Structure formats: C-alpha cells, structure tokens
Amino acid sequence: MATLFISDLHLHESRPAITELFLAFLEGEAREAEALYILGDLFEAWIGDDAPTAHDKTVITGMKALSDSGVPCYFMRGNRDFLIGERFSRETGFEILPDPATAQLYGEPVLLMHGDSLCIDDHEYMAFQQLVRSEAWQQDFLSKSIEERIAFAKRARDESSARGKEKSMEIMDVNKEEVKKAMREAGVRRFIHGHTHRPAIHDIEIDGEAAQRIVLGDWYEQGSVLRVDDAGYDLQLIPL
C-alpha cells in the first residue's frame, strides 16, 4: 500500500475527460491507498461552498465514496480553490490541512505545501494573493451573488492567463532560497508541493545535508501521481 499525492487537476466541466480520469482514480488505485493527499487546485475555480455546479457535485460524490471506504483523505487549498471551506470538508469527508503542513511518512517528517506562496519573485501575484487571502476580502466576495462571483472568477482567470504569457518561467517558479528557508523552518529534508506544473524530483543541499524537493504534475493532458511507500518516492504520469 502506498500513500498518494496529487495536485493541480483544475477540474472543470469543459474538460470532462480529466474529470472522468480523476473519478476512475478515486474508484481504482485510491481505494487501495494508505492515504490520499490533494495539495490544491483541485478545481479550476471555486467561488464558495454554497455554489457547486452539477459537475462539482459529481466530483464531491466521488470523493465522499472514497472517504467512506475508509481511506484517510486530506485536502490543502490552492490558489484556484482557496475558498473551499468546512461544508466541502463535511460533504467529501476530506480533512482540510493548513498550508504549510508536515506529514509523517514512513518514519520521516515531510513538508507539504501547495507552492504558490514560494513564488516570491512574482511580485504582482504575491500582492494579489495577499489581498484575496484576507478575511475581509473573502467575506465581501462571498456576500456577492453567485452570478457576480462567477463573473469575477472568469475575469481573474482571463487576466491571469494574459499576465502569465508576459512573464518569464523563472519569475513564476518557486524561489529556491525560499524553498530552503521553508524546509529549515519545518525541520525537514524532504518537501512535496504543486502549483508550478513542472513535475520533477530535485536533489538539493541544505546546510551541507542532502535534501529533496518533489514537484507534483498537473492534470491537463494526463494525470500525475506521487506514490510513497517504504521503498521510496515514485512520481508517475497517468495516461488518459
């Protein structure tokens, strides 16, 4: 049995094949897992627990079936679904983790993050993140009508896409020194995150000691899963 990690599925009704792949994953491999962790951006956008679409409800049903089967399930909010709350947790049976969090994996403490908070070289994004993560902004946003929230989310996605085309890959990636700082503060030598859509296992050095940063892949044209067991860490694609 392995502990499974996934992130950045960006599920949306416009990409039904990926939703079907995720539901099949929940009904298949995940049923045999020791635990499942989703490290953010499960949905392309989440405008509040009171406004799931028919597509979202299908995903919630699939997640609840997994948690009801007895598999421990954990969720960490990402930059696309940071408004996920306690109602979602109750309806899916997934425990919501803080960002960052530390998990004990086979006798080793491992740092878990979505990853966007480490992209400190993207000053424009960091300012936006600080705004929308504030309690005042979220209360104001959730007080708006569902139609207003949908319109805002669409504008935000369009603007983010446009800005992303103008920025270098380096600016939008995690800052390497910020990674080491986070790992030092957590007292770990292994770190798992998503967000950047650049799946890889990076061997690094922190204060003269060997360490490792594992980046989860996105689910745009395929799936991606990190399988962790007492034999090690295996990052693999899941074909459509």
Foldseek 3Di string as FASTA:
>chain_A
DWEKEFEAQQDDPVCVVSLVVVLVCLVPVLLPYQAYEYAENNHVADQAPVDDDPSRVVSLVSLQVSVVSPHAYAYEYDPRYPRDDDVSCVSRVHHYDYAWDWDQAPNFTETEHQFQVQLVLQVVVNVVVVVCPDPVNSVVSSVDDPVVSVVVSVVVVVVVVVVVVVDDLSSRHGDPVSVLVVCVVVVHQEYEHEDSQPFDKDWDDHPRHIGIYGYWHHRDQWTWMWIQHPVGIDIDTGHD
